[in-house]
Amino acid sequence: QVETEQLRNSLLSSVSHDLRTPLAAMAGAATSLMNADSQISDDARRELLQSVVDESLRLSRLVDNLLDMTRLESGSIHIKLEWHVLEEIVGSALRHLREQLSEHSVTTQLPVNLPLVHVDGVLFEQVFVNLLENAARYTPAGSRIEITAREVASGVEIRVADNGPGLPRGTESQLFEKFVRGDSASPDGRRGVGLGLAICRGIVQAHGGSITA
């Protein structure tokens, strides 16, 4: 009961802040557009409209994470296992995050003889999206992000690494818990809801794998 109450409080705290922030920004930009007189410049108008688009996408990602976590924990998420080329899954995730990664140097080292991976392609792409989004969010512009993979006895080992500030020692496993966030804020001052890595762990474990930091 104590754990349930703590989870409920964490959820309410996250929802009250992380969901209301983009809503407030969207409402503010829309109000400015409605109240603006004819003197508003085209550049200012485009900037306000872009703010609405950016914040709505951010809100959508937050809601998707909450729904994904709910499905994972309830066991209602269905794993559709198929054989995939890992490079294609990684490439799709990179295309999805093209804008967020535009100021970073991203390199991939995926051997041509890497075996096919037996995974749910959609879910595993989400793992890469969450990991890469974190790397882009918590490292300064110009940072390097590297994706490497190799065949090991138990299957395929994949690494996503960056040359950012890293994780505080002792928090490596805690960050995979729900609603746990690192101490460092992103360059824009925003912090996620604390579900991205928990979802990564849920998806990887549902495939019989493991994930560590």
Protein backbone atom coordinates (compact mmCIF):
# COMPACT_ATOMS: atom_id res chain seq x y z
CA GLN A 1 0.00 0.00 0.00
CA VAL A 2 2.89 2.34 0.77
CA GLU A 3 4.48 1.63 -2.63
CA THR A 4 1.14 2.21 -4.36
CA GLU A 5 0.70 5.54 -2.57
CA GLN A 6 4.25 6.60 -3.48
CA LEU A 7 3.63 5.68 -7.11
CA ARG A 8 0.35 7.62 -7.12
CA ASN A 9 2.04 10.70 -5.64
CA SER A 10 4.87 10.45 -8.17
CA LEU A 11 2.39 10.16 -11.02
CA LEU A 12 0.32 13.12 -9.83
CA SER A 13 3.47 15.20 -9.35
CA SER A 14 4.70 14.35 -12.84
CA VAL A 15 1.33 14.97 -14.47
CA SER A 16 0.79 18.26 -12.67
CA HIS A 17 4.11 19.66 -13.85
CA ASP A 18 5.28 17.84 -16.97
CA LEU A 19 1.90 17.83 -18.68
CA ARG A 20 0.78 21.29 -17.63
CA THR A 21 4.00 22.98 -18.79
CA PRO A 22 3.52 22.31 -22.53
CA LEU A 23 -0.20 23.05 -22.20
CA ALA A 24 0.57 26.44 -20.67
CA ALA A 25 3.08 27.22 -23.44
CA MET A 26 0.58 26.23 -26.14
CA ALA A 27 -2.19 28.30 -24.56
CA GLY A 28 0.13 31.29 -24.23
CA ALA A 29 1.26 31.13 -27.86
CA ALA A 30 -2.29 30.64 -29.15
CA THR A 31 -3.57 33.55 -27.04
CA SER A 32 -0.82 35.80 -28.39
CA LEU A 33 -1.78 34.88 -31.95
CA MET A 34 -5.46 35.58 -31.30
CA ASN A 35 -4.85 38.92 -29.57
CA ALA A 36 -2.07 40.14 -31.83
CA ASP A 37 -2.86 43.14 -33.94
CA SER A 38 -1.98 43.41 -37.60
CA GLN A 39 1.48 44.73 -36.68
CA ILE A 40 2.79 41.31 -35.60
CA SER A 41 5.66 40.31 -37.86
CA ASP A 42 5.69 37.19 -39.97
CA ASP A 43 8.76 35.94 -38.08
CA ALA A 44 7.04 36.38 -34.72
CA ARG A 45 3.93 34.64 -36.01
CA ARG A 46 5.98 31.70 -37.30
CA GLU A 47 7.82 31.48 -33.98
CA LEU A 48 4.56 31.33 -32.03
CA LEU A 49 3.11 28.71 -34.36
CA GLN A 50 6.31 26.65 -34.11
CA SER A 51 6.02 26.83 -30.33
CA VAL A 52 2.51 25.37 -30.52
CA VAL A 53 3.73 22.54 -32.76
CA ASP A 54 6.80 21.77 -30.60
CA GLU A 55 4.88 21.75 -27.34
CA SER A 56 2.05 19.63 -28.75
CA LEU A 57 4.60 17.04 -29.91
CA ARG A 58 6.24 17.12 -26.49
CA LEU A 59 2.85 16.63 -24.83
CA SER A 60 2.10 13.73 -27.17
CA ARG A 61 5.40 12.02 -26.27
CA LEU A 62 4.66 12.38 -22.56
CA VAL A 63 1.19 10.88 -22.92
CA ASP A 64 2.55 8.06 -25.11
CA ASN A 65 5.13 7.22 -22.43
CA LEU A 66 2.45 7.07 -19.74
CA LEU A 67 0.29 4.78 -21.89
CA ASP A 68 3.26 2.57 -22.85
CA MET A 69 4.21 2.14 -19.19
CA THR A 70 0.64 1.22 -18.30
CA ARG A 71 0.46 -1.40 -21.07
CA LEU A 72 3.83 -2.89 -20.11
CA GLU A 73 2.91 -3.23 -16.45
CA SER A 74 -0.55 -4.64 -17.13
CA GLY A 75 0.86 -7.22 -19.52
CA SER A 76 -1.50 -6.04 -22.26
CA ILE A 77 1.31 -5.16 -24.65
CA HIS A 78 1.75 -7.86 -27.28
CA ILE A 79 5.23 -8.73 -28.53
CA LYS A 80 5.21 -9.43 -32.27
CA LEU A 81 8.52 -11.21 -32.82
CA GLU A 82 9.99 -11.11 -36.31
CA TRP A 83 13.51 -11.27 -37.74
CA HIS A 84 14.93 -7.80 -38.35
CA VAL A 85 18.11 -6.19 -39.58
CA LEU A 86 19.31 -4.12 -36.63
CA GLU A 87 20.63 -1.38 -38.91
CA GLU A 88 17.13 -0.77 -40.27
CA ILE A 89 15.64 -0.37 -36.77
CA VAL A 90 18.41 2.03 -35.78
CA GLY A 91 18.03 3.97 -39.03
CA SER A 92 14.30 4.38 -38.47
CA ALA A 93 14.88 5.72 -34.95
CA LEU A 94 17.49 8.17 -36.23
CA ARG A 95 15.10 9.46 -38.90
CA HIS A 96 12.41 9.88 -36.24
CA LEU A 97 14.77 12.06 -34.18
CA ARG A 98 16.39 13.92 -37.05
CA GLU A 99 15.55 17.34 -35.64
CA GLN A 100 16.49 16.57 -32.02
CA LEU A 101 19.85 15.14 -33.14
CA SER A 102 20.63 17.88 -35.66
CA GLU A 103 23.20 19.56 -33.37
CA HIS A 104 24.93 16.32 -32.37
CA SER A 105 27.44 14.11 -34.14
CA VAL A 106 25.92 10.64 -34.43
CA THR A 107 27.97 7.64 -35.58
CA THR A 108 26.99 3.99 -35.93
CA GLN A 109 29.24 0.94 -35.98
CA LEU A 110 27.10 -2.03 -36.89
CA PRO A 111 29.07 -4.94 -38.43
CA VAL A 112 27.77 -6.15 -41.78
CA ASN A 113 27.89 -9.75 -40.53
CA LEU A 114 25.77 -9.00 -37.46
CA PRO A 115 23.04 -11.66 -37.15
CA LEU A 116 19.38 -10.78 -37.54
CA VAL A 117 17.61 -9.89 -34.30
CA HIS A 118 14.35 -11.63 -33.29
CA VAL A 119 12.40 -8.69 -31.85
CA ASP A 120 9.28 -6.60 -32.15
CA GLY A 121 10.56 -3.95 -34.56
CA VAL A 122 8.17 -1.22 -33.43
CA LEU A 123 8.89 -1.70 -29.74
CA PHE A 124 12.64 -1.96 -30.22
CA GLU A 125 12.66 1.20 -32.29
CA GLN A 126 11.02 2.87 -29.28
CA VAL A 127 13.94 1.70 -27.12
CA PHE A 128 16.39 3.46 -29.44
CA VAL A 129 14.18 6.56 -29.66
CA ASN A 130 14.08 6.87 -25.87
CA LEU A 131 17.83 6.29 -25.44
CA LEU A 132 18.81 8.68 -28.24
CA GLU A 133 16.34 11.31 -27.10
CA ASN A 134 17.92 11.19 -23.64
CA ALA A 135 21.40 11.47 -25.15
CA ALA A 136 20.33 14.48 -27.21
CA ARG A 137 18.52 16.14 -24.31
CA TYR A 138 21.20 15.82 -21.63
CA THR A 139 24.34 16.56 -23.66
CA PRO A 140 25.39 19.95 -25.02
CA ALA A 141 25.27 20.76 -28.72
CA GLY A 142 28.20 19.28 -30.61
CA SER A 143 28.43 16.20 -28.39
CA ARG A 144 29.13 12.79 -29.91
CA ILE A 145 26.62 9.95 -29.76
CA GLU A 146 27.78 6.50 -30.77
CA ILE A 147 25.71 3.39 -31.48
CA THR A 148 27.68 0.15 -31.64
CA ALA A 149 26.77 -3.52 -31.68
CA ARG A 150 28.55 -6.86 -31.61
CA GLU A 151 27.66 -10.52 -31.51
CA VAL A 152 28.15 -12.21 -28.13
CA ALA A 153 27.49 -15.72 -26.85
CA SER A 154 24.00 -14.82 -25.58
CA GLY A 155 22.94 -12.87 -28.68
CA VAL A 156 23.67 -9.29 -29.65
CA GLU A 157 25.08 -6.58 -27.40
CA ILE A 158 24.14 -3.01 -28.31
CA ARG A 159 25.68 0.12 -26.81
CA VAL A 160 24.45 3.70 -26.99
CA ALA A 161 27.10 6.07 -25.65
CA ASP A 162 27.82 9.79 -25.57
CA ASN A 163 30.56 12.09 -24.30
CA GLY A 164 28.24 14.17 -22.14
CA PRO A 165 28.41 14.66 -18.35
CA GLY A 166 27.48 11.03 -17.63
CA LEU A 167 25.47 9.65 -14.73
CA PRO A 168 26.11 10.32 -11.03
CA ARG A 169 27.92 7.32 -9.56
CA GLY A 170 25.53 4.98 -7.77
CA THR A 171 22.44 6.00 -9.76
CA GLU A 172 23.02 3.72 -12.76
CA SER A 173 20.34 1.18 -11.83
CA GLN A 174 17.94 3.59 -10.11
CA LEU A 175 17.35 5.53 -13.33
CA PHE A 176 15.49 2.55 -14.79
CA GLU A 177 12.79 2.87 -12.12
CA LYS A 178 9.54 4.70 -12.89
CA PHE A 179 9.50 8.46 -12.32
CA VAL A 180 13.19 8.55 -11.32
CA ARG A 181 15.14 11.34 -13.00
CA GLY A 182 18.79 12.28 -12.94
CA ASP A 183 20.08 15.33 -11.11
CA SER A 184 21.18 17.13 -14.25
CA ALA A 185 18.71 19.17 -16.25
CA SER A 186 18.76 19.45 -20.02
CA PRO A 187 20.32 22.55 -21.63
CA ASP A 188 16.82 24.02 -22.11
CA GLY A 189 16.05 23.48 -18.42
CA ARG A 190 13.40 20.84 -19.08
CA ARG A 191 13.33 17.44 -17.45
CA GLY A 192 11.45 14.41 -18.64
CA VAL A 193 8.69 12.64 -16.76
CA GLY A 194 11.09 9.85 -15.73
CA LEU A 195 9.54 7.05 -17.78
CA GLY A 196 11.78 6.76 -20.85
CA LEU A 197 14.36 4.41 -19.34
CA ALA A 198 11.72 2.45 -17.41
CA ILE A 199 9.96 1.78 -20.72
CA CYS A 200 13.27 0.73 -22.30
CA ARG A 201 13.82 -1.77 -19.49
CA GLY A 202 10.26 -3.11 -19.75
CA ILE A 203 10.55 -3.66 -23.51
CA VAL A 204 14.02 -5.24 -23.34
CA GLN A 205 13.06 -7.55 -20.48
CA ALA A 206 9.88 -8.55 -22.32
CA HIS A 207 12.23 -9.81 -25.05
CA GLY A 208 14.26 -11.80 -22.54
CA GLY A 209 17.15 -9.36 -22.60
CA SER A 210 18.76 -7.04 -20.08
CA ILE A 211 19.67 -3.35 -20.07
CA THR A 212 22.27 -1.59 -17.92
CA ALA A 213 23.87 1.83 -17.64
